[in-house]
Amino acid sequence: MKSNEHILRTRDGRLIAFNLKISDSGGTGRVLVIAPEVGLDQQFYQPLTNWCTTRGINVITFDYRSQGQSAPLNHQQLQDTLRQWANQDLDVVLGHARRRFPEGELILLAHGISGEIAGMAASIENIDYLVLVSSALHVRQFWPWKTRVFAAMGGLFTPVERIWARRFLPGEKKMPSHVAQELYEWSGYHDGLFNIFPDNNYRRLNVPLLTLNFTDDPYSPQKAVDKLLGHYCPSGIKRMRIRPADMAQKNIGHNGFFEPRNEKLWTLMLDWLRDTTVEKRYFF
């Protein structure tokens, strides 16, 4: 497995750290881009990355401008937004992936919030497959009651709003305050971010879609998952809502898919990729 660390420059001049790992076979047939959850950096995804490269899949991981290895490269982070994460950071990574592997099948694995914002990246037209892991629409009415009560307090007191984001959102590291505020605001709308941004790109994305959600994940209740998927128009969709007991696990939660103990879940994803044929790409 050959690993290469790189830096990309976005259209607005920000620097994005990314890592390309070439599969042990050196093949270019399939390329997996992992778009991270808020509060997580690319190091979190290394177990899955290493596993995929031993199975002939090249993998690209990256950090959004306020996160992980990208944060030290960018000194002005206070006003960074989720929209910039999508239409600047994710966009430049997907564009680079397509240029680097022009004939390869490009798979986007979007974790959590990345599954919500992915359609705002113009370069999403380059992907051939989409995998959403623990992604759902951030809408308060679908959340567990404890989270909703605390969120209601956040609406009255801005400092509490920030505590809410760091206490109840699933990332492991400090979240930029502006991103936390943005997520909180989206959650108050009946259609989340789609009350603000159009879903044109989402509805034109005509590729196979796999969704993986887990019954013990409080951040992706079934109604919120369905609400998000209602904005996508894939060429084919496979929905998997899994109980931990089905995988002989006590818990999986929001981030557990990426832990080595859940290699069976990785195999499910790989089996789906092997059994799915790409018929069409994004169209205008």
C-alpha atoms as a PDB file:
ATOM      1  CA  MET A   1       0.000   0.000   0.000  1.00  0.00           C
ATOM      2  CA  LYS A   2       1.486   3.311  -1.107  1.00  0.00           C
ATOM      3  CA  SER A   3       0.419   6.440   0.751  1.00  0.00           C
ATOM      4  CA  ASN A   4       0.783  10.015  -0.476  1.00  0.00           C
ATOM      5  CA  GLU A   5      -0.066  13.181   1.457  1.00  0.00           C
ATOM      6  CA  HIS A   6      -1.053  16.190  -0.612  1.00  0.00           C
ATOM      7  CA  ILE A   7      -2.542  19.674  -0.419  1.00  0.00           C
ATOM      8  CA  LEU A   8      -5.220  21.076  -2.707  1.00  0.00           C
ATOM      9  CA  ARG A   9      -6.177  24.732  -3.098  1.00  0.00           C
ATOM     10  CA  THR A  10      -9.883  25.556  -3.332  1.00  0.00           C
ATOM     11  CA  ARG A  11     -11.362  28.196  -5.624  1.00  0.00           C
ATOM     12  CA  ASP A  12     -11.547  30.626  -2.698  1.00  0.00           C
ATOM     13  CA  GLY A  13      -7.882  30.079  -1.875  1.00  0.00           C
ATOM     14  CA  ARG A  14      -8.117  27.760   1.137  1.00  0.00           C
ATOM     15  CA  LEU A  15      -5.794  24.761   1.550  1.00  0.00           C
ATOM     16  CA  ILE A  16      -7.162  21.254   1.992  1.00  0.00           C
ATOM     17  CA  ALA A  17      -5.030  18.359   3.249  1.00  0.00           C
ATOM     18  CA  PHE A  18      -5.782  15.014   1.678  1.00  0.00           C
ATOM     19  CA  ASN A  19      -4.238  11.574   1.539  1.00  0.00           C
ATOM     20  CA  LEU A  20      -4.219   9.131  -1.362  1.00  0.00           C
ATOM     21  CA  LYS A  21      -3.578   5.470  -0.681  1.00  0.00           C
ATOM     22  CA  ILE A  22      -2.988   3.258  -3.691  1.00  0.00           C
ATOM     23  CA  SER A  23      -4.261  -0.308  -3.427  1.00  0.00           C
ATOM     24  CA  ASP A  24      -1.830  -3.161  -2.957  1.00  0.00           C
ATOM     25  CA  SER A  25      -2.573  -4.315  -6.498  1.00  0.00           C
ATOM     26  CA  GLY A  26      -1.835  -0.833  -7.834  1.00  0.00           C
ATOM     27  CA  GLY A  27      -5.081  -0.914  -9.777  1.00  0.00           C
ATOM     28  CA  THR A  28      -7.088   2.146 -10.763  1.00  0.00           C
ATOM     29  CA  GLY A  29     -10.419   0.421 -11.302  1.00  0.00           C
ATOM     30  CA  ARG A  30     -12.179   1.904  -8.274  1.00  0.00           C
ATOM     31  CA  VAL A  31     -11.502   4.956  -6.152  1.00  0.00           C
ATOM     32  CA  LEU A  32     -13.208   5.597  -2.813  1.00  0.00           C
ATOM     33  CA  VAL A  33     -13.437   9.175  -1.517  1.00  0.00           C
ATOM     34  CA  ILE A  34     -14.390   9.359   2.166  1.00  0.00           C
ATOM     35  CA  ALA A  35     -16.106  12.624   3.151  1.00  0.00           C
ATOM     36  CA  PRO A  36     -15.925  12.947   6.950  1.00  0.00           C
ATOM     37  CA  GLU A  37     -18.482  13.702   9.609  1.00  0.00           C
ATOM     38  CA  VAL A  38     -18.303  17.048  11.381  1.00  0.00           C
ATOM     39  CA  GLY A  39     -15.872  16.860  14.294  1.00  0.00           C
ATOM     40  CA  LEU A  40     -13.927  13.930  12.824  1.00  0.00           C
ATOM     41  CA  ASP A  41     -10.684  14.022  10.857  1.00  0.00           C
ATOM     42  CA  GLN A  42      -9.318  11.689   8.232  1.00  0.00           C
ATOM     43  CA  GLN A  43      -7.272   9.679  10.731  1.00  0.00           C
ATOM     44  CA  PHE A  44     -10.516   8.281  12.104  1.00  0.00           C
ATOM     45  CA  TYR A  45     -11.148   6.527   8.788  1.00  0.00           C
ATOM     46  CA  GLN A  46      -7.764   4.793   8.478  1.00  0.00           C
ATOM     47  CA  PRO A  47      -8.933   1.274   9.445  1.00  0.00           C
ATOM     48  CA  LEU A  48     -11.479   1.262   6.616  1.00  0.00           C
ATOM     49  CA  THR A  49      -8.948   2.888   4.281  1.00  0.00           C
ATOM     50  CA  ASN A  50      -6.365   0.180   4.929  1.00  0.00           C
ATOM     51  CA  TRP A  51      -8.964  -2.571   4.521  1.00  0.00           C
ATOM     52  CA  CYS A  52     -10.134  -1.231   1.164  1.00  0.00           C
ATOM     53  CA  THR A  53      -6.635  -0.895  -0.263  1.00  0.00           C
ATOM     54  CA  THR A  54      -5.990  -4.581   0.400  1.00  0.00           C
ATOM     55  CA  ARG A  55      -9.039  -5.302  -1.744  1.00  0.00           C
ATOM     56  CA  GLY A  56      -8.051  -3.375  -4.834  1.00  0.00           C
ATOM     57  CA  ILE A  57      -9.692  -0.026  -4.043  1.00  0.00           C
ATOM     58  CA  ASN A  58      -7.704   3.208  -4.018  1.00  0.00           C
ATOM     59  CA  VAL A  59      -8.802   5.544  -1.213  1.00  0.00           C
ATOM     60  CA  ILE A  60      -8.762   9.318  -0.793  1.00  0.00           C
ATOM     61  CA  THR A  61      -9.371  10.856   2.629  1.00  0.00           C
ATOM     62  CA  PHE A  62      -9.333  14.560   3.469  1.00  0.00           C
ATOM     63  CA  ASP A  63     -10.065  17.124   6.152  1.00  0.00           C
ATOM     64  CA  TYR A  64     -12.472  20.016   5.746  1.00  0.00           C
ATOM     65  CA  ARG A  65     -10.897  23.465   6.100  1.00  0.00           C
ATOM     66  CA  SER A  66     -11.584  23.791   9.830  1.00  0.00           C
ATOM     67  CA  GLN A  67     -10.710  20.209  10.730  1.00  0.00           C
ATOM     68  CA  GLY A  68      -7.709  17.945  11.242  1.00  0.00           C
ATOM     69  CA  GLN A  69      -4.653  18.545   9.077  1.00  0.00           C
ATOM     70  CA  SER A  70      -6.408  21.275   7.090  1.00  0.00           C
ATOM     71  CA  ALA A  71      -6.947  23.500  10.137  1.00  0.00           C
ATOM     72  CA  PRO A  72      -3.286  24.548  10.654  1.00  0.00           C
ATOM     73  CA  LEU A  73      -3.074  25.479   6.966  1.00  0.00           C
ATOM     74  CA  ASN A  74      -5.880  28.025   7.312  1.00  0.00           C
ATOM     75  CA  HIS A  75      -5.566  30.736   9.945  1.00  0.00           C
ATOM     76  CA  GLN A  76      -8.950  32.407   9.469  1.00  0.00           C
ATOM     77  CA  GLN A  77     -11.522  29.811  10.462  1.00  0.00           C
ATOM     78  CA  LEU A  78     -14.144  31.687  12.460  1.00  0.00           C
ATOM     79  CA  GLN A  79     -16.583  32.132   9.587  1.00  0.00           C
ATOM     80  CA  ASP A  80     -16.102  28.769   7.874  1.00  0.00           C
ATOM     81  CA  THR A  81     -19.442  27.275   6.840  1.00  0.00           C
ATOM     82  CA  LEU A  82     -20.862  23.917   5.856  1.00  0.00           C
ATOM     83  CA  ARG A  83     -21.690  25.331   2.455  1.00  0.00           C
ATOM     84  CA  GLN A  84     -17.984  26.065   1.939  1.00  0.00           C
ATOM     85  CA  TRP A  85     -17.154  22.552   3.064  1.00  0.00           C
ATOM     86  CA  ALA A  86     -19.335  21.257   0.226  1.00  0.00           C
ATOM     87  CA  ASN A  87     -18.989  23.647  -2.698  1.00  0.00           C
ATOM     88  CA  GLN A  88     -15.315  24.416  -2.055  1.00  0.00           C
ATOM     89  CA  ASP A  89     -13.593  21.600  -0.139  1.00  0.00           C
ATOM     90  CA  LEU A  90     -15.494  18.490  -1.226  1.00  0.00           C
ATOM     91  CA  ASP A  91     -15.783  19.962  -4.702  1.00  0.00           C
ATOM     92  CA  VAL A  92     -12.019  20.313  -5.185  1.00  0.00           C
ATOM     93  CA  VAL A  93     -11.357  16.822  -3.801  1.00  0.00           C
ATOM     94  CA  LEU A  94     -13.871  15.139  -6.114  1.00  0.00           C
ATOM     95  CA  GLY A  95     -12.563  17.107  -9.077  1.00  0.00           C
ATOM     96  CA  HIS A  96      -9.009  16.035  -8.302  1.00  0.00           C
ATOM     97  CA  ALA A  97     -10.068  12.405  -7.879  1.00  0.00           C
ATOM     98  CA  ARG A  98     -11.632  12.379 -11.336  1.00  0.00           C
ATOM     99  CA  ARG A  99      -8.581  13.982 -12.937  1.00  0.00           C
ATOM    100  CA  ARG A 100      -6.223  11.584 -11.147  1.00  0.00           C
ATOM    101  CA  PHE A 101      -8.273   8.528 -12.147  1.00  0.00           C
ATOM    102  CA  PRO A 102     -10.098   9.542 -15.346  1.00  0.00           C
ATOM    103  CA  GLU A 103     -11.161   5.991 -16.194  1.00  0.00           C
ATOM    104  CA  GLY A 104     -11.799   4.751 -12.665  1.00  0.00           C
ATOM    105  CA  GLU A 105     -15.167   4.216 -11.011  1.00  0.00           C
ATOM    106  CA  LEU A 106     -15.485   6.952  -8.398  1.00  0.00           C
ATOM    107  CA  ILE A 107     -17.290   6.089  -5.165  1.00  0.00           C
ATOM    108  CA  LEU A 108     -18.238   8.788  -2.664  1.00  0.00           C
ATOM    109  CA  LEU A 109     -18.722   7.539   0.885  1.00  0.00           C
ATOM    110  CA  ALA A 110     -20.313  10.377   2.855  1.00  0.00           C
ATOM    111  CA  HIS A 111     -20.496  10.078   6.635  1.00  0.00           C
ATOM    112  CA  GLY A 112     -23.126  11.954   8.611  1.00  0.00           C
ATOM    113  CA  ILE A 113     -23.374  15.627   7.665  1.00  0.00           C
ATOM    114  CA  SER A 114     -21.375  15.009   4.474  1.00  0.00           C
ATOM    115  CA  GLY A 115     -24.330  13.028   3.162  1.00  0.00           C
ATOM    116  CA  GLU A 116     -26.522  16.093   3.636  1.00  0.00           C
ATOM    117  CA  ILE A 117     -24.244  18.639   2.001  1.00  0.00           C
ATOM    118  CA  ALA A 118     -22.732  16.478  -0.775  1.00  0.00           C
ATOM    119  CA  GLY A 119     -25.151  17.721  -3.425  1.00  0.00           C
ATOM    120  CA  MET A 120     -23.863  21.277  -3.049  1.00  0.00           C
ATOM    121  CA  ALA A 121     -20.529  20.213  -4.580  1.00  0.00           C
ATOM    122  CA  ALA A 122     -20.619  20.772  -8.340  1.00  0.00           C
ATOM    123  CA  SER A 123     -18.043  18.006  -8.858  1.00  0.00           C
ATOM    124  CA  ILE A 124     -20.475  15.449  -7.505  1.00  0.00           C
ATOM    125  CA  GLU A 125     -21.326  14.982 -11.173  1.00  0.00           C
ATOM    126  CA  ASN A 126     -18.087  12.978 -11.379  1.00  0.00           C
ATOM    127  CA  ILE A 127     -19.118  10.162  -9.054  1.00  0.00           C
ATOM    128  CA  ASP A 128     -20.364   6.749 -10.143  1.00  0.00           C
ATOM    129  CA  TYR A 129     -21.635   5.456  -6.783  1.00  0.00           C
ATOM    130  CA  LEU A 130     -22.862   7.117  -3.592  1.00  0.00           C
ATOM    131  CA  VAL A 131     -22.745   5.511  -0.143  1.00  0.00           C
ATOM    132  CA  LEU A 132     -24.371   7.343   2.774  1.00  0.00           C
ATOM    133  CA  VAL A 133     -23.385   6.147   6.246  1.00  0.00           C
ATOM    134  CA  SER A 134     -25.395   7.417   9.223  1.00  0.00           C
ATOM    135  CA  SER A 135     -26.686  10.348   7.177  1.00  0.00           C
ATOM    136  CA  ALA A 136     -30.047  11.963   7.859  1.00  0.00           C
ATOM    137  CA  LEU A 137     -31.615  15.391   7.657  1.00  0.00           C
ATOM    138  CA  HIS A 138     -30.901  17.600  10.673  1.00  0.00           C
ATOM    139  CA  VAL A 139     -34.462  18.455  11.708  1.00  0.00           C
ATOM    140  CA  ARG A 140     -35.248  18.779  15.424  1.00  0.00           C
ATOM    141  CA  GLN A 141     -38.708  17.285  15.254  1.00  0.00           C
ATOM    142  CA  PHE A 142     -37.188  13.891  14.433  1.00  0.00           C
ATOM    143  CA  TRP A 143     -34.662  13.840  17.286  1.00  0.00           C
ATOM    144  CA  PRO A 144     -34.917  12.012  20.630  1.00  0.00           C
ATOM    145  CA  TRP A 145     -36.783  14.126  23.173  1.00  0.00           C
ATOM    146  CA  LYS A 146     -33.716  14.833  25.364  1.00  0.00           C
ATOM    147  CA  THR A 147     -31.861  16.341  22.423  1.00  0.00           C
ATOM    148  CA  ARG A 148     -34.904  18.388  21.462  1.00  0.00           C
ATOM    149  CA  VAL A 149     -35.293  19.825  24.966  1.00  0.00           C
ATOM    150  CA  PHE A 150     -31.675  20.934  25.075  1.00  0.00           C
ATOM    151  CA  ALA A 151     -31.947  22.335  21.554  1.00  0.00           C
ATOM    152  CA  ALA A 152     -34.953  24.401  22.629  1.00  0.00           C
ATOM    153  CA  MET A 153     -32.816  25.894  25.410  1.00  0.00           C
ATOM    154  CA  GLY A 154     -30.162  26.661  22.811  1.00  0.00           C
ATOM    155  CA  GLY A 155     -32.665  28.761  20.914  1.00  0.00           C
ATOM    156  CA  LEU A 156     -32.918  31.061  23.924  1.00  0.00           C
ATOM    157  CA  PHE A 157     -29.258  31.307  24.862  1.00  0.00           C
ATOM    158  CA  THR A 158     -26.480  31.407  22.269  1.00  0.00           C
ATOM    159  CA  PRO A 159     -23.803  30.010  24.655  1.00  0.00           C
ATOM    160  CA  VAL A 160     -26.109  27.067  25.370  1.00  0.00           C
ATOM    161  CA  GLU A 161     -26.532  26.604  21.629  1.00  0.00           C
ATOM    162  CA  ARG A 162     -22.791  26.052  21.310  1.00  0.00           C
ATOM    163  CA  ILE A 163     -22.748  23.662  24.267  1.00  0.00           C
ATOM    164  CA  TRP A 164     -25.637  21.791  22.617  1.00  0.00           C
ATOM    165  CA  ALA A 165     -23.642  21.340  19.430  1.00  0.00           C
ATOM    166  CA  ARG A 166     -20.595  20.013  21.236  1.00  0.00           C
ATOM    167  CA  ARG A 167     -22.599  17.817  23.609  1.00  0.00           C
ATOM    168  CA  PHE A 168     -25.166  16.339  21.253  1.00  0.00           C
ATOM    169  CA  LEU A 169     -23.464  16.224  17.857  1.00  0.00           C
ATOM    170  CA  PRO A 170     -21.453  13.103  17.085  1.00  0.00           C
ATOM    171  CA  GLY A 171     -17.934  14.385  16.359  1.00  0.00           C
ATOM    172  CA  GLU A 172     -15.034  13.581  18.668  1.00  0.00           C
ATOM    173  CA  LYS A 173     -13.235  16.927  18.438  1.00  0.00           C
ATOM    174  CA  LYS A 174     -13.991  20.608  18.877  1.00  0.00           C
ATOM    175  CA  MET A 175     -16.375  21.926  16.259  1.00  0.00           C
ATOM    176  CA  PRO A 176     -15.985  25.420  14.762  1.00  0.00           C
ATOM    177  CA  SER A 177     -18.567  27.623  16.475  1.00  0.00           C
ATOM    178  CA  HIS A 178     -19.927  28.979  13.189  1.00  0.00           C
ATOM    179  CA  VAL A 179     -20.515  25.443  11.906  1.00  0.00           C
ATOM    180  CA  ALA A 180     -22.254  24.533  15.164  1.00  0.00           C
ATOM    181  CA  GLN A 181     -24.490  27.589  14.866  1.00  0.00           C
ATOM    182  CA  GLU A 182     -25.275  26.765  11.236  1.00  0.00           C
ATOM    183  CA  LEU A 183     -26.292  23.203  12.085  1.00  0.00           C
ATOM    184  CA  TYR A 184     -28.479  24.449  14.902  1.00  0.00           C
ATOM    185  CA  GLU A 185     -30.244  26.917  12.605  1.00  0.00           C
ATOM    186  CA  TRP A 186     -30.859  24.273   9.936  1.00  0.00           C
ATOM    187  CA  SER A 187     -32.391  21.977  12.508  1.00  0.00           C
ATOM    188  CA  GLY A 188     -35.160  24.480  13.186  1.00  0.00           C
ATOM    189  CA  TYR A 189     -36.562  24.284   9.646  1.00  0.00           C
ATOM    190  CA  HIS A 190     -39.051  21.614   8.634  1.00  0.00           C
ATOM    191  CA  ASP A 191     -36.844  20.682   5.661  1.00  0.00           C
ATOM    192  CA  GLY A 192     -33.451  21.415   7.193  1.00  0.00           C
ATOM    193  CA  LEU A 193     -30.849  22.882   4.866  1.00  0.00           C
ATOM    194  CA  PHE A 194     -33.227  22.541   1.909  1.00  0.00           C
ATOM    195  CA  ASN A 195     -35.258  25.430   3.291  1.00  0.00           C
ATOM    196  CA  ILE A 196     -32.212  27.556   2.436  1.00  0.00           C
ATOM    197  CA  PHE A 197     -30.432  25.825  -0.433  1.00  0.00           C
ATOM    198  CA  PRO A 198     -31.954  24.271  -3.578  1.00  0.00           C
ATOM    199  CA  ASP A 199     -31.763  20.534  -4.126  1.00  0.00           C
ATOM    200  CA  ASN A 200     -31.273  20.710  -7.902  1.00  0.00           C
ATOM    201  CA  ASN A 201     -27.972  18.814  -7.871  1.00  0.00           C
ATOM    202  CA  TYR A 202     -29.387  16.151  -5.576  1.00  0.00           C
ATOM    203  CA  ARG A 203     -32.302  15.444  -7.886  1.00  0.00           C
ATOM    204  CA  ARG A 204     -30.068  15.230 -10.949  1.00  0.00           C
ATOM    205  CA  LEU A 205     -27.660  12.743  -9.399  1.00  0.00           C
ATOM    206  CA  ASN A 206     -28.554   9.571 -11.273  1.00  0.00           C
ATOM    207  CA  VAL A 207     -26.192   6.997  -9.725  1.00  0.00           C
ATOM    208  CA  PRO A 208     -26.642   3.882  -7.554  1.00  0.00           C
ATOM    209  CA  LEU A 209     -27.127   4.775  -3.888  1.00  0.00           C
ATOM    210  CA  LEU A 210     -26.531   2.664  -0.773  1.00  0.00           C
ATOM    211  CA  THR A 211     -27.635   3.889   2.648  1.00  0.00           C
ATOM    212  CA  LEU A 212     -26.416   2.343   5.889  1.00  0.00           C
ATOM    213  CA  ASN A 213     -28.104   3.407   9.114  1.00  0.00           C
ATOM    214  CA  PHE A 214     -28.313   1.842  12.548  1.00  0.00           C
ATOM    215  CA  THR A 215     -31.193   1.507  14.958  1.00  0.00           C
ATOM    216  CA  ASP A 216     -29.131   2.695  17.946  1.00  0.00           C
ATOM    217  CA  ASP A 217     -27.972   5.898  16.242  1.00  0.00           C
ATOM    218  CA  PRO A 218     -29.886   8.832  17.772  1.00  0.00           C
ATOM    219  CA  TYR A 219     -28.713  11.147  14.989  1.00  0.00           C
ATOM    220  CA  SER A 220     -30.358   9.238  12.146  1.00  0.00           C
ATOM    221  CA  PRO A 221     -33.913   8.220  13.083  1.00  0.00           C
ATOM    222  CA  GLN A 222     -35.824   6.600  10.244  1.00  0.00           C
ATOM    223  CA  LYS A 223     -37.995   9.638   9.489  1.00  0.00           C
ATOM    224  CA  ALA A 224     -34.945  11.893   9.184  1.00  0.00           C
ATOM    225  CA  VAL A 225     -33.234   9.381   6.892  1.00  0.00           C
ATOM    226  CA  ASP A 226     -36.318   9.176   4.678  1.00  0.00           C
ATOM    227  CA  LYS A 227     -36.569  12.971   4.606  1.00  0.00           C
ATOM    228  CA  LEU A 228     -33.007  13.284   3.300  1.00  0.00           C
ATOM    229  CA  LEU A 229     -33.392  10.502   0.740  1.00  0.00           C
ATOM    230  CA  GLY A 230     -36.494  12.221  -0.597  1.00  0.00           C
ATOM    231  CA  HIS A 231     -34.196  14.848  -2.112  1.00  0.00           C
ATOM    232  CA  TYR A 232     -32.064  12.324  -3.996  1.00  0.00           C
ATOM    233  CA  CYS A 233     -33.143  10.681  -7.261  1.00  0.00           C
ATOM    234  CA  PRO A 234     -30.721   7.780  -7.695  1.00  0.00           C
ATOM    235  CA  SER A 235     -30.777   5.286 -10.541  1.00  0.00           C
ATOM    236  CA  GLY A 236     -31.245   2.607  -7.908  1.00  0.00           C
ATOM    237  CA  ILE A 237     -31.277   2.582  -4.125  1.00  0.00           C
ATOM    238  CA  LYS A 238     -30.587  -0.022  -1.468  1.00  0.00           C
ATOM    239  CA  ARG A 239     -31.555   0.921   2.070  1.00  0.00           C
ATOM    240  CA  MET A 240     -30.032  -0.958   4.976  1.00  0.00           C
ATOM    241  CA  ARG A 241     -31.201  -0.192   8.507  1.00  0.00           C
ATOM    242  CA  ILE A 242     -29.297  -2.534  10.766  1.00  0.00           C
ATOM    243  CA  ARG A 243     -29.758  -3.634  14.366  1.00  0.00           C
ATOM    244  CA  PRO A 244     -26.501  -4.134  16.268  1.00  0.00           C
ATOM    245  CA  ALA A 245     -27.667  -7.614  17.264  1.00  0.00           C
ATOM    246  CA  ASP A 246     -27.790  -8.563  13.584  1.00  0.00           C
ATOM    247  CA  MET A 247     -24.025  -7.982  13.488  1.00  0.00           C
ATOM    248  CA  ALA A 248     -23.463  -9.734  16.828  1.00  0.00           C
ATOM    249  CA  GLN A 249     -22.716  -6.358  18.424  1.00  0.00           C
ATOM    250  CA  LYS A 250     -24.107  -4.624  21.491  1.00  0.00           C
ATOM    251  CA  ASN A 251     -23.888  -1.236  19.821  1.00  0.00           C
ATOM    252  CA  ILE A 252     -22.878   0.445  16.576  1.00  0.00           C
ATOM    253  CA  GLY A 253     -24.223   3.967  16.937  1.00  0.00           C
ATOM    254  CA  HIS A 254     -23.337   6.890  14.703  1.00  0.00           C
ATOM    255  CA  ASN A 255     -19.633   6.221  14.141  1.00  0.00           C
ATOM    256  CA  GLY A 256     -19.347   2.483  14.770  1.00  0.00           C
ATOM    257  CA  PHE A 257     -19.477   1.515  11.095  1.00  0.00           C
ATOM    258  CA  PHE A 258     -15.852   2.646  10.772  1.00  0.00           C
ATOM    259  CA  GLU A 259     -14.485   0.587  13.668  1.00  0.00           C
ATOM    260  CA  PRO A 260     -12.518  -2.589  12.813  1.00  0.00           C
ATOM    261  CA  ARG A 261     -14.890  -4.699  14.921  1.00  0.00           C
ATOM    262  CA  ASN A 262     -17.543  -4.034  12.285  1.00  0.00           C
ATOM    263  CA  GLU A 263     -15.661  -5.418   9.303  1.00  0.00           C
ATOM    264  CA  LYS A 264     -18.815  -7.353   8.396  1.00  0.00           C
ATOM    265  CA  LEU A 265     -20.426  -4.017   7.521  1.00  0.00           C
ATOM    266  CA  TRP A 266     -17.541  -3.144   5.235  1.00  0.00           C
ATOM    267  CA  THR A 267     -18.082  -6.446   3.464  1.00  0.00           C
ATOM    268  CA  LEU A 268     -21.755  -5.559   2.944  1.00  0.00           C
ATOM    269  CA  MET A 269     -20.692  -2.346   1.233  1.00  0.00           C
ATOM    270  CA  LEU A 270     -18.135  -4.134  -0.933  1.00  0.00           C
ATOM    271  CA  ASP A 271     -20.673  -6.799  -1.925  1.00  0.00           C
ATOM    272  CA  TRP A 272     -23.105  -4.070  -2.987  1.00  0.00           C
ATOM    273  CA  LEU A 273     -20.433  -2.418  -5.124  1.00  0.00           C
ATOM    274  CA  ARG A 274     -19.601  -5.719  -6.782  1.00  0.00           C
ATOM    275  CA  ASP A 275     -23.252  -6.501  -7.494  1.00  0.00           C
ATOM    276  CA  THR A 276     -24.230  -3.034  -8.749  1.00  0.00           C
ATOM    277  CA  THR A 277     -23.830  -1.879 -12.329  1.00  0.00           C
ATOM    278  CA  VAL A 278     -23.448   1.775 -13.236  1.00  0.00           C
ATOM    279  CA  GLU A 279     -25.935   2.652 -15.953  1.00  0.00           C
ATOM    280  CA  LYS A 280     -25.905   6.435 -16.060  1.00  0.00           C
ATOM    281  CA  ARG A 281     -24.110   9.349 -14.499  1.00  0.00           C
ATOM    282  CA  TYR A 282     -25.237  12.775 -13.424  1.00  0.00           C
ATOM    283  CA  PHE A 283     -27.154  14.580 -16.150  1.00  0.00           C
ATOM    284  CA  PHE A 284     -28.351  18.142 -16.762  1.00  0.00           C
END
